[in-house]
Amino acid sequence: MDSGKFGVSQVKIFVLLDSPFDFFLAGKHQGRPLGYSLTRRASVKDIIESLGIPHTEVGSIRFDGQKIDFSFVPPATGMLQVHAVQAPFNVLSPSMLRPVPLDCIRFIADVNVLKLGRLLILLGFDVACSSSFSDDEIADIAQAQSRIVLTRDTLLLKRKKIAFARRIRSNLPYDQVLEVVEFFGLHHLTTFFSRCTACNRQLVPVEKNDITHLLEPRTRLYFFDFLQCPQCRKIFWKGSHYDAMKNTFSRLGIFPKKE
């Protein structure tokens, strides 16, 4: 076959995708091997993402049975098997596709899942979230601060700078929280009511006498233990809202391990 302007012969491979990838595929492509013709030199990352699947959703890849990484370029006709990330996804452990693991669990949430981000902060997770973040900023922050990207924007997750992420499937914020906790295996890491929901900073205990002048009369009368954000100075206490939120998480099967 003529090599054409790309300088390589056209090859045709077959791509076999795990069923979790059906979320990204048109119905006619689900559950069957896909024929894929190459007219240019392309890595498997390029091939997979051209099918609509972000690389962040891929857990392992094989070509004709051999394990490969994202940079592999198919040399000839063969079978490309693409397997989804399996839950619970341990981002702290190295793998062939992600040889440099994260050293701790940190997130960044885009504008589409801000409520999810705030709820995760309430559970004690470090989450950078702002409605002002652009896609470029999210990718840069994720790379620089080793954060897991949470989004409903599939295109964002095709950026090379983003190594760890979850394309959120659920529509409702509390369902999204459960999705994230289960997907990343975070049940044992929740530290409810330990971070400022406005600043994402760790809260610190504060003496009531030092903040009495800032409290409403009923709060001064009925509450005695307080926490404060070291950045924005916002004050927190375990009132009725605290109990309601804790009960909601408990109904989801998320039980705080530390307060």
C-alpha atoms as a PDB file:
ATOM      1  CA  MET A   1       0.000   0.000   0.000  1.00  0.00           C
ATOM      2  CA  ASP A   2       1.209   3.485  -0.801  1.00  0.00           C
ATOM      3  CA  SER A   3       2.693   5.135   2.277  1.00  0.00           C
ATOM      4  CA  GLY A   4       0.999   8.438   1.404  1.00  0.00           C
ATOM      5  CA  LYS A   5       1.942  11.826   2.734  1.00  0.00           C
ATOM      6  CA  PHE A   6       2.429  10.522   6.285  1.00  0.00           C
ATOM      7  CA  GLY A   7       5.354   8.351   5.267  1.00  0.00           C
ATOM      8  CA  VAL A   8       3.907   5.183   6.863  1.00  0.00           C
ATOM      9  CA  SER A   9       1.857   2.324   5.489  1.00  0.00           C
ATOM     10  CA  GLN A  10      -1.775   2.224   6.453  1.00  0.00           C
ATOM     11  CA  VAL A  11      -2.506  -0.451   9.043  1.00  0.00           C
ATOM     12  CA  LYS A  12      -5.766  -1.638  10.499  1.00  0.00           C
ATOM     13  CA  ILE A  13      -6.077  -2.705  14.083  1.00  0.00           C
ATOM     14  CA  PHE A  14      -9.007  -3.931  16.105  1.00  0.00           C
ATOM     15  CA  VAL A  15      -9.814  -2.235  19.394  1.00  0.00           C
ATOM     16  CA  LEU A  16     -11.556  -4.140  22.171  1.00  0.00           C
ATOM     17  CA  LEU A  17     -12.914  -1.916  24.929  1.00  0.00           C
ATOM     18  CA  ASP A  18     -14.143  -2.742  28.432  1.00  0.00           C
ATOM     19  CA  SER A  19     -17.866  -2.258  29.039  1.00  0.00           C
ATOM     20  CA  PRO A  20     -17.346   0.766  31.370  1.00  0.00           C
ATOM     21  CA  PHE A  21     -16.237   2.680  28.275  1.00  0.00           C
ATOM     22  CA  ASP A  22     -19.761   2.366  26.845  1.00  0.00           C
ATOM     23  CA  PHE A  23     -20.437   5.613  28.708  1.00  0.00           C
ATOM     24  CA  PHE A  24     -18.284   7.419  26.122  1.00  0.00           C
ATOM     25  CA  LEU A  25     -19.300   5.498  22.995  1.00  0.00           C
ATOM     26  CA  ALA A  26     -22.132   5.726  20.525  1.00  0.00           C
ATOM     27  CA  GLY A  27     -24.541   2.802  20.925  1.00  0.00           C
ATOM     28  CA  LYS A  28     -23.507   1.153  17.664  1.00  0.00           C
ATOM     29  CA  HIS A  29     -19.915   0.843  18.923  1.00  0.00           C
ATOM     30  CA  GLN A  30     -20.733  -0.758  22.268  1.00  0.00           C
ATOM     31  CA  GLY A  31     -19.859  -4.367  23.052  1.00  0.00           C
ATOM     32  CA  ARG A  32     -17.941  -5.209  19.866  1.00  0.00           C
ATOM     33  CA  PRO A  33     -14.370  -4.894  18.555  1.00  0.00           C
ATOM     34  CA  LEU A  34     -13.880  -1.723  16.555  1.00  0.00           C
ATOM     35  CA  GLY A  35     -11.935  -1.664  13.332  1.00  0.00           C
ATOM     36  CA  TYR A  36      -9.512   1.257  13.325  1.00  0.00           C
ATOM     37  CA  SER A  37      -7.528   2.270  10.238  1.00  0.00           C
ATOM     38  CA  LEU A  38      -4.311   4.194  10.767  1.00  0.00           C
ATOM     39  CA  THR A  39      -3.199   6.580   8.051  1.00  0.00           C
ATOM     40  CA  ARG A  40      -0.588   8.235  10.242  1.00  0.00           C
ATOM     41  CA  ARG A  41       1.797   7.308  13.024  1.00  0.00           C
ATOM     42  CA  ALA A  42      -0.330   7.409  16.177  1.00  0.00           C
ATOM     43  CA  SER A  43       0.231   6.408  19.777  1.00  0.00           C
ATOM     44  CA  VAL A  44      -2.382   4.299  21.536  1.00  0.00           C
ATOM     45  CA  LYS A  45      -3.230   7.367  23.638  1.00  0.00           C
ATOM     46  CA  ASP A  46      -4.169   9.204  20.449  1.00  0.00           C
ATOM     47  CA  ILE A  47      -6.145   6.220  19.190  1.00  0.00           C
ATOM     48  CA  ILE A  48      -8.087   5.757  22.423  1.00  0.00           C
ATOM     49  CA  GLU A  49      -8.910   9.437  22.770  1.00  0.00           C
ATOM     50  CA  SER A  50      -9.976   9.702  19.134  1.00  0.00           C
ATOM     51  CA  LEU A  51     -12.716   7.211  20.078  1.00  0.00           C
ATOM     52  CA  GLY A  52     -13.953   9.622  22.746  1.00  0.00           C
ATOM     53  CA  ILE A  53     -12.344   8.013  25.797  1.00  0.00           C
ATOM     54  CA  PRO A  54     -10.032  10.205  27.916  1.00  0.00           C
ATOM     55  CA  HIS A  55      -6.751   8.570  28.893  1.00  0.00           C
ATOM     56  CA  THR A  56      -7.497   9.222  32.568  1.00  0.00           C
ATOM     57  CA  GLU A  57     -10.204   6.512  32.435  1.00  0.00           C
ATOM     58  CA  VAL A  58      -7.799   3.837  31.181  1.00  0.00           C
ATOM     59  CA  GLY A  59      -6.310   1.380  33.672  1.00  0.00           C
ATOM     60  CA  SER A  60      -4.223  -0.880  31.428  1.00  0.00           C
ATOM     61  CA  ILE A  61      -3.603  -1.590  27.741  1.00  0.00           C
ATOM     62  CA  ARG A  62      -2.442  -4.658  25.826  1.00  0.00           C
ATOM     63  CA  PHE A  63      -1.473  -5.084  22.187  1.00  0.00           C
ATOM     64  CA  ASP A  64      -1.696  -8.696  21.027  1.00  0.00           C
ATOM     65  CA  GLY A  65      -1.562  -9.714  24.677  1.00  0.00           C
ATOM     66  CA  GLN A  66       1.505  -7.671  25.623  1.00  0.00           C
ATOM     67  CA  LYS A  67       1.204  -4.907  28.199  1.00  0.00           C
ATOM     68  CA  ILE A  68       2.005  -1.487  26.775  1.00  0.00           C
ATOM     69  CA  ASP A  69       1.932   2.155  27.823  1.00  0.00           C
ATOM     70  CA  PHE A  70       0.300   5.221  26.273  1.00  0.00           C
ATOM     71  CA  SER A  71       3.289   5.990  24.041  1.00  0.00           C
ATOM     72  CA  PHE A  72       3.185   2.662  22.179  1.00  0.00           C
ATOM     73  CA  VAL A  73       2.682   2.969  18.418  1.00  0.00           C
ATOM     74  CA  PRO A  74       0.992  -0.056  16.791  1.00  0.00           C
ATOM     75  CA  PRO A  75       3.412  -1.410  14.170  1.00  0.00           C
ATOM     76  CA  ALA A  76       0.997  -3.614  12.257  1.00  0.00           C
ATOM     77  CA  THR A  77      -2.394  -5.256  12.289  1.00  0.00           C
ATOM     78  CA  GLY A  78      -3.312  -6.587  15.713  1.00  0.00           C
ATOM     79  CA  MET A  79      -5.695  -6.439  18.664  1.00  0.00           C
ATOM     80  CA  LEU A  80      -5.611  -3.478  21.029  1.00  0.00           C
ATOM     81  CA  GLN A  81      -7.312  -4.282  24.346  1.00  0.00           C
ATOM     82  CA  VAL A  82      -8.169  -1.284  26.523  1.00  0.00           C
ATOM     83  CA  HIS A  83      -9.164  -1.873  30.120  1.00  0.00           C
ATOM     84  CA  ALA A  84     -10.857   0.652  32.369  1.00  0.00           C
ATOM     85  CA  VAL A  85      -9.534   1.788  35.731  1.00  0.00           C
ATOM     86  CA  GLN A  86     -10.913  -0.573  38.351  1.00  0.00           C
ATOM     87  CA  ALA A  87     -12.352   0.672  41.619  1.00  0.00           C
ATOM     88  CA  PRO A  88     -11.023   1.226  44.149  1.00  0.00           C
ATOM     89  CA  PHE A  89      -8.390   3.147  42.211  1.00  0.00           C
ATOM     90  CA  ASN A  90      -5.230   3.387  44.325  1.00  0.00           C
ATOM     91  CA  VAL A  91      -3.583   6.569  43.073  1.00  0.00           C
ATOM     92  CA  LEU A  92      -0.775   6.142  45.622  1.00  0.00           C
ATOM     93  CA  SER A  93       0.584   3.039  43.877  1.00  0.00           C
ATOM     94  CA  PRO A  94       2.641   3.105  40.629  1.00  0.00           C
ATOM     95  CA  SER A  95       1.468   1.358  37.476  1.00  0.00           C
ATOM     96  CA  MET A  96       2.689   0.998  33.906  1.00  0.00           C
ATOM     97  CA  LEU A  97       0.446   3.826  32.695  1.00  0.00           C
ATOM     98  CA  ARG A  98       1.150   6.008  35.731  1.00  0.00           C
ATOM     99  CA  PRO A  99       4.658   5.160  36.964  1.00  0.00           C
ATOM    100  CA  VAL A 100       4.778   8.229  39.212  1.00  0.00           C
ATOM    101  CA  PRO A 101       1.974   7.883  41.786  1.00  0.00           C
ATOM    102  CA  LEU A 102       0.535  10.632  43.938  1.00  0.00           C
ATOM    103  CA  ASP A 103       1.972  11.083  47.427  1.00  0.00           C
ATOM    104  CA  CYS A 104      -1.400  11.964  48.962  1.00  0.00           C
ATOM    105  CA  ILE A 105      -5.051  12.424  48.050  1.00  0.00           C
ATOM    106  CA  ARG A 106      -5.778  15.908  46.726  1.00  0.00           C
ATOM    107  CA  PHE A 107      -8.460  17.022  44.288  1.00  0.00           C
ATOM    108  CA  ILE A 108      -9.327  19.902  42.015  1.00  0.00           C
ATOM    109  CA  ALA A 109     -12.977  20.326  40.989  1.00  0.00           C
ATOM    110  CA  ASP A 110     -14.067  22.337  37.970  1.00  0.00           C
ATOM    111  CA  VAL A 111     -17.089  24.622  37.683  1.00  0.00           C
ATOM    112  CA  ASN A 112     -19.364  21.737  36.694  1.00  0.00           C
ATOM    113  CA  VAL A 113     -18.920  19.956  40.035  1.00  0.00           C
ATOM    114  CA  LEU A 114     -18.390  22.766  42.534  1.00  0.00           C
ATOM    115  CA  LYS A 115     -21.010  21.407  44.949  1.00  0.00           C
ATOM    116  CA  LEU A 116     -19.244  18.058  44.867  1.00  0.00           C
ATOM    117  CA  GLY A 117     -15.986  19.830  45.717  1.00  0.00           C
ATOM    118  CA  ARG A 118     -17.539  21.615  48.702  1.00  0.00           C
ATOM    119  CA  LEU A 119     -19.046  18.383  50.021  1.00  0.00           C
ATOM    120  CA  LEU A 120     -15.695  16.608  49.752  1.00  0.00           C
ATOM    121  CA  ILE A 121     -14.103  19.440  51.710  1.00  0.00           C
ATOM    122  CA  LEU A 122     -16.767  18.907  54.368  1.00  0.00           C
ATOM    123  CA  LEU A 123     -15.613  15.277  54.533  1.00  0.00           C
ATOM    124  CA  GLY A 124     -12.083  16.508  55.162  1.00  0.00           C
ATOM    125  CA  PHE A 125     -10.499  16.189  51.714  1.00  0.00           C
ATOM    126  CA  ASP A 126      -8.160  18.784  50.230  1.00  0.00           C
ATOM    127  CA  VAL A 127     -10.086  20.151  47.245  1.00  0.00           C
ATOM    128  CA  ALA A 128      -9.147  23.191  45.183  1.00  0.00           C
ATOM    129  CA  CYS A 129     -12.316  24.559  43.625  1.00  0.00           C
ATOM    130  CA  SER A 130     -13.335  27.875  42.143  1.00  0.00           C
ATOM    131  CA  SER A 131     -15.802  28.940  39.487  1.00  0.00           C
ATOM    132  CA  SER A 132     -13.046  31.143  38.044  1.00  0.00           C
ATOM    133  CA  PHE A 133     -10.666  28.304  37.106  1.00  0.00           C
ATOM    134  CA  SER A 134     -10.144  27.979  33.359  1.00  0.00           C
ATOM    135  CA  ASP A 135      -9.393  24.605  31.783  1.00  0.00           C
ATOM    136  CA  ASP A 136      -5.770  25.674  31.314  1.00  0.00           C
ATOM    137  CA  GLU A 137      -5.506  26.595  34.994  1.00  0.00           C
ATOM    138  CA  ILE A 138      -7.054  23.311  36.101  1.00  0.00           C
ATOM    139  CA  ALA A 139      -4.555  21.318  34.021  1.00  0.00           C
ATOM    140  CA  ASP A 140      -1.637  23.412  35.303  1.00  0.00           C
ATOM    141  CA  ILE A 141      -2.713  23.138  38.946  1.00  0.00           C
ATOM    142  CA  ALA A 142      -3.357  19.410  38.644  1.00  0.00           C
ATOM    143  CA  GLN A 143       0.152  18.894  37.306  1.00  0.00           C
ATOM    144  CA  ALA A 144       1.961  21.305  39.638  1.00  0.00           C
ATOM    145  CA  GLN A 145       0.172  20.244  42.828  1.00  0.00           C
ATOM    146  CA  SER A 146      -0.392  16.562  41.960  1.00  0.00           C
ATOM    147  CA  ARG A 147      -4.179  16.795  42.196  1.00  0.00           C
ATOM    148  CA  ILE A 148      -6.914  14.496  40.935  1.00  0.00           C
ATOM    149  CA  VAL A 149      -9.246  16.311  38.539  1.00  0.00           C
ATOM    150  CA  LEU A 150     -12.999  15.942  39.075  1.00  0.00           C
ATOM    151  CA  THR A 151     -15.183  17.080  36.188  1.00  0.00           C
ATOM    152  CA  ARG A 152     -18.080  16.302  33.867  1.00  0.00           C
ATOM    153  CA  ASP A 153     -16.123  17.742  30.943  1.00  0.00           C
ATOM    154  CA  THR A 154     -14.716  14.809  28.962  1.00  0.00           C
ATOM    155  CA  LEU A 155     -12.640  17.033  26.686  1.00  0.00           C
ATOM    156  CA  LEU A 156     -10.763  18.533  29.656  1.00  0.00           C
ATOM    157  CA  LEU A 157      -9.500  15.080  30.627  1.00  0.00           C
ATOM    158  CA  LYS A 158      -7.754  14.553  27.298  1.00  0.00           C
ATOM    159  CA  ARG A 159      -5.097  17.077  28.285  1.00  0.00           C
ATOM    160  CA  LYS A 160      -1.669  15.490  28.663  1.00  0.00           C
ATOM    161  CA  LYS A 161      -0.905  17.363  31.892  1.00  0.00           C
ATOM    162  CA  ILE A 162      -3.726  15.557  33.685  1.00  0.00           C
ATOM    163  CA  ALA A 163      -2.696  12.093  34.870  1.00  0.00           C
ATOM    164  CA  PHE A 164      -5.288  11.298  37.544  1.00  0.00           C
ATOM    165  CA  ALA A 165      -8.966  12.148  37.248  1.00  0.00           C
ATOM    166  CA  ARG A 166     -12.554  10.995  37.316  1.00  0.00           C
ATOM    167  CA  ARG A 167     -15.141  11.907  34.733  1.00  0.00           C
ATOM    168  CA  ILE A 168     -18.125  12.158  37.082  1.00  0.00           C
ATOM    169  CA  ARG A 169     -21.124  10.142  35.910  1.00  0.00           C
ATOM    170  CA  SER A 170     -23.708  10.951  38.596  1.00  0.00           C
ATOM    171  CA  ASN A 171     -25.940  13.993  38.243  1.00  0.00           C
ATOM    172  CA  LEU A 172     -26.741  14.877  41.861  1.00  0.00           C
ATOM    173  CA  PRO A 173     -24.045  16.218  44.230  1.00  0.00           C
ATOM    174  CA  TYR A 174     -24.531  13.661  47.015  1.00  0.00           C
ATOM    175  CA  ASP A 175     -24.528  10.818  44.484  1.00  0.00           C
ATOM    176  CA  GLN A 176     -21.340  12.316  43.069  1.00  0.00           C
ATOM    177  CA  VAL A 177     -19.734  12.266  46.521  1.00  0.00           C
ATOM    178  CA  LEU A 178     -20.531   8.576  46.914  1.00  0.00           C
ATOM    179  CA  GLU A 179     -19.192   7.919  43.408  1.00  0.00           C
ATOM    180  CA  VAL A 180     -15.857   9.577  44.241  1.00  0.00           C
ATOM    181  CA  VAL A 181     -15.517   7.957  47.666  1.00  0.00           C
ATOM    182  CA  GLU A 182     -16.188   4.494  46.269  1.00  0.00           C
ATOM    183  CA  PHE A 183     -14.140   4.910  43.076  1.00  0.00           C
ATOM    184  CA  PHE A 184     -11.011   6.047  44.942  1.00  0.00           C
ATOM    185  CA  GLY A 185     -11.622   3.888  48.043  1.00  0.00           C
ATOM    186  CA  LEU A 186     -11.794   6.816  50.463  1.00  0.00           C
ATOM    187  CA  HIS A 187     -14.198   5.539  53.129  1.00  0.00           C
ATOM    188  CA  HIS A 188     -11.421   5.195  55.706  1.00  0.00           C
ATOM    189  CA  LEU A 189      -9.942   8.638  54.994  1.00  0.00           C
ATOM    190  CA  THR A 190     -12.886  10.897  55.818  1.00  0.00           C
ATOM    191  CA  THR A 191     -12.247  13.496  58.539  1.00  0.00           C
ATOM    192  CA  PHE A 192     -15.614  15.210  58.772  1.00  0.00           C
ATOM    193  CA  PHE A 193     -15.745  18.867  59.759  1.00  0.00           C
ATOM    194  CA  SER A 194     -11.976  19.368  59.663  1.00  0.00           C
ATOM    195  CA  ARG A 195     -11.621  21.906  56.819  1.00  0.00           C
ATOM    196  CA  CYS A 196     -12.975  25.326  55.998  1.00  0.00           C
ATOM    197  CA  THR A 197     -15.599  24.976  53.265  1.00  0.00           C
ATOM    198  CA  ALA A 198     -14.717  28.471  52.028  1.00  0.00           C
ATOM    199  CA  CYS A 199     -10.901  28.283  52.026  1.00  0.00           C
ATOM    200  CA  ASN A 200     -10.104  24.564  52.082  1.00  0.00           C
ATOM    201  CA  ARG A 201      -7.727  25.148  55.006  1.00  0.00           C
ATOM    202  CA  GLN A 202      -7.452  22.841  58.003  1.00  0.00           C
ATOM    203  CA  LEU A 203      -9.533  24.161  60.897  1.00  0.00           C
ATOM    204  CA  VAL A 204      -7.917  24.738  64.283  1.00  0.00           C
ATOM    205  CA  PRO A 205      -9.516  24.729  67.739  1.00  0.00           C
ATOM    206  CA  VAL A 206     -10.146  28.154  69.228  1.00  0.00           C
ATOM    207  CA  GLU A 207     -11.019  29.177  72.768  1.00  0.00           C
ATOM    208  CA  LYS A 208     -14.562  30.439  73.166  1.00  0.00           C
ATOM    209  CA  ASN A 209     -13.368  33.375  75.226  1.00  0.00           C
ATOM    210  CA  ASP A 210     -11.275  34.569  72.295  1.00  0.00           C
ATOM    211  CA  ILE A 211     -14.222  34.728  69.911  1.00  0.00           C
ATOM    212  CA  THR A 212     -17.207  35.422  72.156  1.00  0.00           C
ATOM    213  CA  HIS A 213     -17.565  38.919  70.712  1.00  0.00           C
ATOM    214  CA  LEU A 214     -18.037  37.402  67.257  1.00  0.00           C
ATOM    215  CA  LEU A 215     -20.868  35.024  68.204  1.00  0.00           C
ATOM    216  CA  GLU A 216     -24.611  35.467  68.064  1.00  0.00           C
ATOM    217  CA  PRO A 217     -26.354  35.431  71.498  1.00  0.00           C
ATOM    218  CA  ARG A 218     -27.905  31.961  71.099  1.00  0.00           C
ATOM    219  CA  THR A 219     -24.615  30.537  69.854  1.00  0.00           C
ATOM    220  CA  ARG A 220     -22.806  31.976  72.886  1.00  0.00           C
ATOM    221  CA  LEU A 221     -25.421  30.431  75.165  1.00  0.00           C
ATOM    222  CA  TYR A 222     -25.686  26.907  73.793  1.00  0.00           C
ATOM    223  CA  PHE A 223     -22.281  26.039  72.267  1.00  0.00           C
ATOM    224  CA  PHE A 224     -18.863  25.723  73.838  1.00  0.00           C
ATOM    225  CA  ASP A 225     -16.490  24.097  71.337  1.00  0.00           C
ATOM    226  CA  PHE A 226     -15.385  26.026  68.282  1.00  0.00           C
ATOM    227  CA  LEU A 227     -13.038  25.743  65.316  1.00  0.00           C
ATOM    228  CA  GLN A 228     -11.646  28.542  63.184  1.00  0.00           C
ATOM    229  CA  CYS A 229     -10.123  28.843  59.746  1.00  0.00           C
ATOM    230  CA  PRO A 230      -6.582  30.273  60.020  1.00  0.00           C
ATOM    231  CA  GLN A 231      -6.994  32.030  56.672  1.00  0.00           C
ATOM    232  CA  CYS A 232     -10.457  33.583  56.440  1.00  0.00           C
ATOM    233  CA  ARG A 233     -11.075  33.448  60.242  1.00  0.00           C
ATOM    234  CA  LYS A 234     -14.533  31.939  59.754  1.00  0.00           C
ATOM    235  CA  ILE A 235     -15.823  30.200  62.893  1.00  0.00           C
ATOM    236  CA  PHE A 236     -17.423  26.738  62.963  1.00  0.00           C
ATOM    237  CA  TRP A 237     -19.364  24.806  65.590  1.00  0.00           C
ATOM    238  CA  LYS A 238     -21.438  21.643  65.694  1.00  0.00           C
ATOM    239  CA  GLY A 239     -24.952  23.003  65.394  1.00  0.00           C
ATOM    240  CA  SER A 240     -28.071  21.583  63.759  1.00  0.00           C
ATOM    241  CA  HIS A 241     -26.559  21.925  60.282  1.00  0.00           C
ATOM    242  CA  TYR A 242     -23.634  19.751  61.371  1.00  0.00           C
ATOM    243  CA  ASP A 243     -25.956  16.979  62.575  1.00  0.00           C
ATOM    244  CA  ALA A 244     -28.080  17.151  59.415  1.00  0.00           C
ATOM    245  CA  MET A 245     -25.066  16.863  57.116  1.00  0.00           C
ATOM    246  CA  LYS A 246     -23.548  14.045  59.132  1.00  0.00           C
ATOM    247  CA  ASN A 247     -26.835  12.117  58.993  1.00  0.00           C
ATOM    248  CA  THR A 248     -27.061  12.629  55.226  1.00  0.00           C
ATOM    249  CA  PHE A 249     -23.575  11.210  54.710  1.00  0.00           C
ATOM    250  CA  SER A 250     -24.390   8.300  57.022  1.00  0.00           C
ATOM    251  CA  ARG A 251     -27.431   7.419  54.927  1.00  0.00           C
ATOM    252  CA  LEU A 252     -25.104   7.225  51.922  1.00  0.00           C
ATOM    253  CA  GLY A 253     -22.907   4.779  53.797  1.00  0.00           C
ATOM    254  CA  ILE A 254     -20.164   7.343  54.436  1.00  0.00           C
ATOM    255  CA  PHE A 255     -19.321   7.316  58.141  1.00  0.00           C
ATOM    256  CA  PRO A 256     -16.777   9.862  59.384  1.00  0.00           C
ATOM    257  CA  LYS A 257     -13.843   8.188  61.080  1.00  0.00           C
ATOM    258  CA  LYS A 258     -12.576  11.285  62.846  1.00  0.00           C
ATOM    259  CA  GLU A 259     -13.960  14.667  63.853  1.00  0.00           C
END
